[in-house]
Every structure is written in structure tokens, then in C-alpha cells.
Amino acid sequence: MTILYEGYKYYKLSIIYQLRNIHSMGRVYKHHRRFLVRYVTTILLLISIITAGSWMLWRLPQLRVSSEKSFTPKERIELENTTRTSLSQAFGTLSQTVGGIVLIIGLYFTWRNLIATEDRQITERFTKAIEQFGSDKAEVCIGGIYALERIANDSERDHWVIMEVLTCFIKNRYSLENNRGNQKIIPREIQAALTVIKRRDIAKDPKQKVLDLSFTYLKGADLRGESFKTIIIGKESFTMSNLRGINFTGANLEDSDFTGANLIDTCFVKANLNSCEFVRANLSKADFTEASTVGCIFTDANLCKTKGLKS
């Protein structure tokens, strides 16, 4: 039932995403339609100007010559040719200018069409990825997760939405409340989602927004070498997790369980570690400078070369 519910939930998320993009594409279509009308009108106007110019190029020299009664036939022909040459040069310059304008307008219209096509392709990719994402088969689900990662890399607009979807996926499947007493490590699909989150392009994250992974069961998770400053991670179960080299600077980790975790070279500077359990954890070279460790349990922990840990 849980799988069916999650499948329905992610299907509904896909529909919401499609509606959002359809609305966005609808605005683009209306803009394109208005632009197309203006573009066609401009082309027709230019054709009219070219037609009128061609008529003027032929007729004006004749009108000018006919007004000169004192000219000989030879002088009339020379004047007509000279006038036509001057008009041809002016008309040629005008034609080049108009042609350049038409080319620029055409390029702009092509560019707008490419944007609309790209939006449509991303929507289709997102829909397919969400279908895989909600599968009860681990390999299919993982494929959907990495498909979402590619979309997040390709589309900055969708980057944060996808990170929030992955965060929600992890919390819903492996919350602390639903895994009390669980001794198993997290499955492959949860690790895949965590991997995508930890290697995301942080520069694309919106300002003053964070991902909330608090109250999550993460036993055996591999989160090596990444900064989690923009993730809320209080009250976690990191039992037996590989957290080597992670930067937890300023993080709120109160009541978290690090039993048996690999915390070599981990940075806890200014972190809130009150009531955390580090039983049998490897804290070699960990940095606790200015960290709050009230009520922490370090039974059988490896504290070799730790920094800033108050006795």
C-alpha cells in the first residue's frame, strides 16, 4: 500500500509539474502567436515597399526626363540612366538594411521556438523520471533518481524543485518515526538520492532556502566530503554511516546518533551536538572547535588527534 500511495503521490507531482509547464508554454505560445502576426505583417509591408521601390526605380527616371523639354534624345537617355543608377544604389542600400532587420527578426523567432521546444522536452523527461521514481523496483527507481539529476543539471529553473522532491522522498521512506529499532542500513535508492543531493551545484540553490532532512534514518549512509551547511539535519540516525571529511560547520545535530560512524576528519566547528551519541565512533582528527557537546556520549569512541573537544 505504501508503494502504491507513493506512486500515486509522485504521479500527482508529475501532473502538477506538467500543468505548471503547460501554463508557462501557453504564455510562450500566445507570445509567439502575437509575434508571428507582427512578423507576417512586417514581411508583407516590406514586400509592398520593395514592389513600390521597383516601380519607382523604373518610372521616376522617365518622369524626370519628360519634364526636361530642352534636352536632346541622347541627353535624355544619359539623364534617365544616371537617375536610375542613383536610385538603384539607394534602393540597394535600403534593401540590405531591411534584409538585415528581417534576418534578425527571423533569428529571434527561431530562438524563441528552441526555448519552447526545450521546455517541452524537459517536461517529458521529468514525467518519465517521476514514473520511474515511484517504482517498487530499486533499479528502476535509481534510474529515475539519476534522470532527475540530469534534468536538474540541464535546467536551473527546475534544480531546486528536484532537490526538494528527493528530500521528500528520503524523509517519507526513511523517517526516524517509521524506523525505530531498525538495524538495517539504508537501501540503494535512498543512498542514490542522498548522493544526488550532496553533489548538487550549491550555486543554483535559492538564497535563504534549505533542504530539511531532520528526523531521518540514515544508517550506513555515505555522505563523504560534502558540505551540509544548507541542509537541516537535526535529530538524525547516522549509525554506522560513512561521514568522513564532512563539513558540519554550524549545523544543528542535537540528539543525533553517530554510533559506529566513520567521522575521520569531520568538521563540527560551532555545531550543536548536545545529547549526541558517539558510541564506538571513529572521531580521529575531527574538529570540535567551539562546538556544543553538552550530554554527549563518547563511550569506546576513537578520539585520537581530535581538536577543540572539551574534557
Protein backbone atom coordinates (compact mmCIF):
# COMPACT_ATOMS: atom_id res chain seq x y z
CA MET A 1 0.00 0.00 0.00
CA THR A 2 2.88 2.36 0.81
CA ILE A 3 4.39 1.81 -2.65
CA LEU A 4 1.04 2.40 -4.33
CA TYR A 5 0.49 5.56 -2.31
CA GLU A 6 3.96 6.89 -3.15
CA GLY A 7 3.45 6.00 -6.81
CA TYR A 8 0.21 7.96 -6.82
CA LYS A 9 1.86 10.85 -5.00
CA TYR A 10 4.73 11.14 -7.47
CA TYR A 11 2.28 10.72 -10.37
CA LYS A 12 0.29 13.64 -8.95
CA LEU A 13 3.51 15.62 -8.61
CA SER A 14 4.21 14.89 -12.27
CA ILE A 15 0.76 16.21 -13.24
CA ILE A 16 1.32 19.40 -11.21
CA TYR A 17 4.70 19.90 -12.87
CA GLN A 18 3.18 19.38 -16.32
CA LEU A 19 0.38 21.86 -15.61
CA ARG A 20 2.92 24.41 -14.48
CA ASN A 21 4.92 23.94 -17.65
CA ILE A 22 1.80 23.88 -19.85
CA HIS A 23 0.79 27.22 -18.32
CA SER A 24 4.30 28.53 -18.97
CA MET A 25 4.28 27.16 -22.52
CA GLY A 26 0.82 28.64 -23.05
CA ARG A 27 2.22 32.07 -22.32
CA VAL A 28 5.08 31.38 -24.72
CA TYR A 29 2.57 30.23 -27.40
CA LYS A 30 0.46 33.38 -27.01
CA HIS A 31 3.61 35.48 -27.23
CA HIS A 32 4.69 33.55 -30.33
CA ARG A 33 1.27 34.00 -31.94
CA ARG A 34 1.37 37.77 -31.42
CA PHE A 35 4.94 37.85 -32.64
CA LEU A 36 4.05 35.75 -35.72
CA VAL A 37 1.25 38.17 -36.65
CA ARG A 38 3.67 41.09 -36.36
CA TYR A 39 6.33 39.18 -38.27
CA VAL A 40 3.98 38.35 -41.19
CA THR A 41 2.67 41.93 -41.21
CA THR A 42 6.25 43.21 -41.38
CA ILE A 43 7.08 40.86 -44.26
CA LEU A 44 4.00 41.97 -46.21
CA LEU A 45 4.89 45.59 -45.57
CA LEU A 46 8.44 45.00 -46.79
CA ILE A 47 7.14 43.27 -49.94
CA SER A 48 4.93 46.30 -50.58
CA ILE A 49 7.91 48.62 -50.12
CA ILE A 50 10.04 46.53 -52.49
CA THR A 51 7.26 46.50 -55.08
CA ALA A 52 6.79 50.25 -54.78
CA GLY A 53 10.55 50.76 -54.94
CA SER A 54 10.82 48.68 -58.11
CA TRP A 55 8.06 50.75 -59.72
CA MET A 56 9.77 53.96 -58.65
CA LEU A 57 13.10 52.72 -59.97
CA TRP A 58 11.53 52.28 -63.40
CA ARG A 59 9.10 55.19 -63.50
CA LEU A 60 10.80 58.13 -61.75
CA PRO A 61 13.69 58.49 -64.26
CA GLN A 62 11.14 58.64 -67.09
CA LEU A 63 9.10 61.32 -65.28
CA ARG A 64 12.21 63.40 -64.63
CA VAL A 65 13.38 63.20 -68.27
CA SER A 66 9.93 64.06 -69.65
CA SER A 67 9.97 67.33 -67.71
CA GLU A 68 13.18 68.44 -69.50
CA LYS A 69 11.96 69.69 -72.89
CA SER A 70 15.26 71.27 -74.00
CA PHE A 71 17.32 68.03 -73.80
CA THR A 72 18.38 66.13 -76.88
CA PRO A 73 17.42 62.43 -77.16
CA LYS A 74 20.98 61.44 -76.23
CA GLU A 75 20.97 63.70 -73.16
CA ARG A 76 17.56 62.33 -72.15
CA ILE A 77 18.89 58.74 -72.24
CA GLU A 78 22.00 59.70 -70.22
CA LEU A 79 19.91 61.56 -67.61
CA GLU A 80 17.48 58.66 -67.33
CA ASN A 81 20.33 56.17 -66.85
CA THR A 82 22.11 58.39 -64.31
CA THR A 83 18.89 58.85 -62.31
CA ARG A 84 18.15 55.13 -62.42
CA THR A 85 21.71 54.29 -61.26
CA SER A 86 21.44 56.68 -58.30
CA LEU A 87 18.05 55.26 -57.32
CA SER A 88 19.39 51.68 -57.68
CA GLN A 89 22.23 52.40 -55.28
CA ALA A 90 19.92 53.98 -52.74
CA PHE A 91 17.40 51.18 -53.12
CA GLY A 92 20.17 48.55 -52.79
CA THR A 93 21.36 50.08 -49.52
CA LEU A 94 17.78 50.18 -48.25
CA SER A 95 17.21 46.56 -49.29
CA GLN A 96 20.32 45.39 -47.42
CA THR A 97 19.22 47.23 -44.29
CA VAL A 98 15.70 45.79 -44.48
CA GLY A 99 17.09 42.32 -45.20
CA GLY A 100 19.29 42.53 -42.11
CA ILE A 101 16.30 43.50 -39.98
CA VAL A 102 14.25 40.62 -41.37
CA LEU A 103 17.14 38.20 -40.67
CA ILE A 104 17.45 39.40 -37.05
CA ILE A 105 13.69 39.03 -36.53
CA GLY A 106 13.80 35.53 -38.02
CA LEU A 107 16.71 34.51 -35.78
CA TYR A 108 14.88 35.79 -32.70
CA PHE A 109 11.75 33.87 -33.65
CA THR A 110 13.83 30.68 -34.14
CA TRP A 111 15.48 31.19 -30.75
CA ARG A 112 12.09 31.50 -29.04
CA ASN A 113 10.93 28.30 -30.72
CA LEU A 114 14.04 26.49 -29.49
CA ILE A 115 13.28 27.59 -25.92
CA ALA A 116 9.70 26.31 -26.18
CA THR A 117 10.95 23.00 -27.61
CA GLU A 118 13.50 22.63 -24.80
CA ASP A 119 10.80 23.30 -22.15
CA ARG A 120 8.59 20.64 -23.73
CA GLN A 121 11.45 18.11 -23.79
CA ILE A 122 12.32 18.78 -20.12
CA THR A 123 8.65 18.29 -19.16
CA GLU A 124 8.57 14.96 -20.97
CA ARG A 125 11.83 13.87 -19.33
CA PHE A 126 10.54 14.90 -15.90
CA THR A 127 7.31 12.94 -16.37
CA LYS A 128 9.20 9.80 -17.38
CA ALA A 129 11.67 10.18 -14.50
CA ILE A 130 8.86 10.55 -11.95
CA GLU A 131 7.21 7.38 -13.29
CA GLN A 132 10.49 5.51 -12.68
CA PHE A 133 10.98 7.29 -9.37
CA GLY A 134 7.74 5.85 -7.95
CA SER A 135 8.59 2.26 -8.91
CA ASP A 136 8.92 -0.50 -6.28
CA LYS A 137 11.93 -1.92 -8.18
CA ALA A 138 15.19 -0.49 -6.84
CA GLU A 139 16.99 -0.38 -10.20
CA VAL A 140 14.08 1.43 -11.90
CA CYS A 141 13.77 3.89 -9.01
CA ILE A 142 17.52 4.62 -9.09
CA GLY A 143 17.30 5.22 -12.84
CA GLY A 144 14.56 7.78 -12.19
CA ILE A 145 16.67 9.49 -9.49
CA TYR A 146 19.66 9.92 -11.80
CA ALA A 147 17.35 11.06 -14.62
CA LEU A 148 16.09 13.80 -12.28
CA GLU A 149 19.70 14.74 -11.52
CA ARG A 150 20.40 15.22 -15.25
CA ILE A 151 17.33 17.46 -15.53
CA ALA A 152 18.49 19.49 -12.52
CA ASN A 153 21.89 19.95 -14.20
CA ASP A 154 20.30 20.96 -17.52
CA SER A 155 17.59 23.26 -16.16
CA GLU A 156 18.45 25.77 -13.43
CA ARG A 157 14.76 26.61 -13.07
CA ASP A 158 13.99 23.01 -12.06
CA HIS A 159 17.10 22.44 -9.92
CA TRP A 160 15.58 23.31 -6.54
CA VAL A 161 12.25 21.61 -7.24
CA ILE A 162 14.06 18.34 -7.94
CA MET A 163 16.23 18.63 -4.79
CA GLU A 164 13.07 19.15 -2.70
CA VAL A 165 11.42 16.13 -4.36
CA LEU A 166 14.43 13.95 -3.50
CA THR A 167 14.47 15.26 0.07
CA CYS A 168 10.77 14.48 0.46
CA PHE A 169 11.38 11.00 -0.99
CA ILE A 170 14.09 10.24 1.60
CA LYS A 171 12.08 11.56 4.55
CA ASN A 172 8.88 9.77 3.58
CA ARG A 173 10.54 6.40 3.09
CA TYR A 174 13.06 6.53 5.93
CA SER A 175 11.80 8.77 8.70
CA LEU A 176 13.04 8.08 12.25
CA GLU A 177 9.46 7.52 13.42
CA ASN A 178 8.90 4.64 10.97
CA ASN A 179 12.30 3.04 11.58
CA ARG A 180 12.62 2.87 15.33
CA GLY A 181 14.50 -0.31 16.21
CA ASN A 182 15.57 -0.84 12.60
CA GLN A 183 19.10 -2.26 12.38
CA LYS A 184 19.41 -2.41 8.59
CA ILE A 185 21.39 0.08 6.54
CA ILE A 186 19.52 2.31 4.10
CA PRO A 187 18.70 0.78 0.67
CA ARG A 188 20.42 1.68 -2.60
CA GLU A 189 17.71 4.07 -3.80
CA ILE A 190 17.96 6.20 -0.62
CA GLN A 191 21.74 6.33 -0.98
CA ALA A 192 21.32 7.34 -4.65
CA ALA A 193 19.02 10.22 -3.67
CA LEU A 194 21.50 11.34 -0.97
CA THR A 195 24.34 11.17 -3.50
CA VAL A 196 22.47 13.45 -5.92
CA ILE A 197 21.70 15.92 -3.12
CA LYS A 198 25.26 16.02 -1.79
CA ARG A 199 26.87 16.59 -5.23
CA ARG A 200 24.35 19.16 -6.47
CA ASP A 201 25.53 22.56 -7.65
CA ILE A 202 25.07 24.62 -4.48
CA ALA A 203 25.41 27.84 -6.51
CA LYS A 204 21.97 27.08 -8.02
CA ASP A 205 20.27 26.86 -4.60
CA PRO A 206 17.87 29.75 -3.88
CA LYS A 207 19.05 32.18 -1.24
CA GLN A 208 17.70 31.69 2.28
CA LYS A 209 16.30 28.23 1.46
CA VAL A 210 17.50 24.92 2.89
CA LEU A 211 16.73 21.24 2.42
CA ASP A 212 15.20 19.64 5.53
CA LEU A 213 16.50 16.13 6.26
CA SER A 214 15.79 16.27 10.00
CA PHE A 215 14.26 13.22 11.75
CA THR A 216 15.62 10.91 9.06
CA TYR A 217 17.03 7.39 9.43
CA LEU A 218 20.39 7.31 7.63
CA LYS A 219 22.16 4.25 8.98
CA GLY A 220 25.04 3.29 6.70
CA ALA A 221 24.71 6.40 4.53
CA ASP A 222 27.78 7.51 2.58
CA LEU A 223 27.96 11.31 2.70
CA ARG A 224 31.72 11.77 2.40
CA GLY A 225 33.43 15.03 1.68
CA GLU A 226 30.44 17.31 1.14
CA SER A 227 29.27 20.44 2.92
CA PHE A 228 25.84 20.27 4.54
CA LYS A 229 25.58 23.90 5.59
CA THR A 230 22.42 24.34 3.51
CA ILE A 231 20.68 21.24 4.89
CA ILE A 232 18.75 20.94 8.14
CA ILE A 233 19.91 17.69 9.70
CA GLY A 234 18.89 17.72 13.37
CA LYS A 235 17.86 14.52 15.20
CA GLU A 236 19.35 12.08 12.69
CA SER A 237 20.34 8.43 12.94
CA PHE A 238 23.81 8.21 11.39
CA THR A 239 24.53 4.77 12.88
CA MET A 240 27.40 3.03 11.04
CA SER A 241 27.42 5.83 8.42
CA ASN A 242 30.49 6.89 6.46
CA LEU A 243 30.75 10.62 7.16
CA ARG A 244 34.47 11.03 6.64
CA GLY A 245 35.54 14.60 5.89
CA ILE A 246 32.04 16.11 6.01
CA ASN A 247 31.71 19.78 6.91
CA PHE A 248 29.05 20.15 9.62
CA THR A 249 30.08 23.73 10.47
CA GLY A 250 27.28 25.46 12.41
CA ALA A 251 24.87 22.54 11.90
CA ASN A 252 22.16 21.67 14.42
CA LEU A 253 22.74 17.97 15.15
CA GLU A 254 21.20 17.81 18.60
CA ASP A 255 20.13 14.29 19.71
CA SER A 256 21.66 12.65 16.62
CA ASP A 257 23.01 9.11 16.83
CA PHE A 258 26.52 8.56 15.41
CA THR A 259 27.04 5.09 16.87
CA GLY A 260 29.82 3.28 14.99
CA ALA A 261 30.07 6.04 12.38
CA ASN A 262 33.24 6.90 10.45
CA LEU A 263 33.87 10.56 11.34
CA ILE A 264 37.56 10.87 10.47
CA ASP A 265 38.49 14.49 9.56
CA THR A 266 34.87 15.58 10.06
CA CYS A 267 34.35 19.27 10.89
CA PHE A 268 31.93 20.06 13.75
CA VAL A 269 33.05 23.68 14.24
CA LYS A 270 30.34 25.70 16.08
CA ALA A 271 27.89 22.80 15.65
CA ASN A 272 25.16 21.96 18.18
CA LEU A 273 25.99 18.40 19.28
CA ASN A 274 24.08 18.38 22.56
CA SER A 275 22.94 14.88 23.65
CA CYS A 276 24.54 13.18 20.62
CA GLU A 277 25.79 9.59 20.86
CA PHE A 278 29.25 8.80 19.51
CA VAL A 279 29.50 5.25 20.86
CA ARG A 280 32.31 3.33 19.07
CA ALA A 281 32.55 6.16 16.51
CA ASN A 282 35.87 6.91 14.82
CA LEU A 283 36.48 10.60 15.54
CA SER A 284 40.16 10.66 14.63
CA LYS A 285 41.24 14.20 13.59
CA ALA A 286 37.67 15.51 13.96
CA ASP A 287 37.39 19.24 14.73
CA PHE A 288 35.07 20.24 17.62
CA THR A 289 36.23 23.86 17.89
CA GLU A 290 33.51 25.96 19.63
CA ALA A 291 31.04 23.08 19.25
CA SER A 292 28.42 22.49 21.99
CA THR A 293 28.79 18.93 23.30
CA VAL A 294 26.62 19.00 26.43
CA GLY A 295 25.38 15.50 27.30
CA CYS A 296 27.34 13.78 24.52
CA ILE A 297 28.27 10.11 24.93
CA PHE A 298 31.74 9.08 23.67
CA THR A 299 31.87 5.51 25.00
CA ASP A 300 34.61 3.49 23.24
CA ALA A 301 34.99 6.25 20.63
CA ASN A 302 38.33 6.85 18.90
CA LEU A 303 39.27 10.40 19.91
CA CYS A 304 42.83 10.34 18.57
CA LYS A 305 44.03 13.79 17.44
CA THR A 306 40.61 15.44 17.83
CA LYS A 307 40.60 19.24 18.05
CA GLY A 308 38.65 21.50 20.39
CA LEU A 309 36.87 18.75 22.31
CA LYS A 310 36.32 19.79 25.91
CA SER A 311 37.04 17.11 28.50
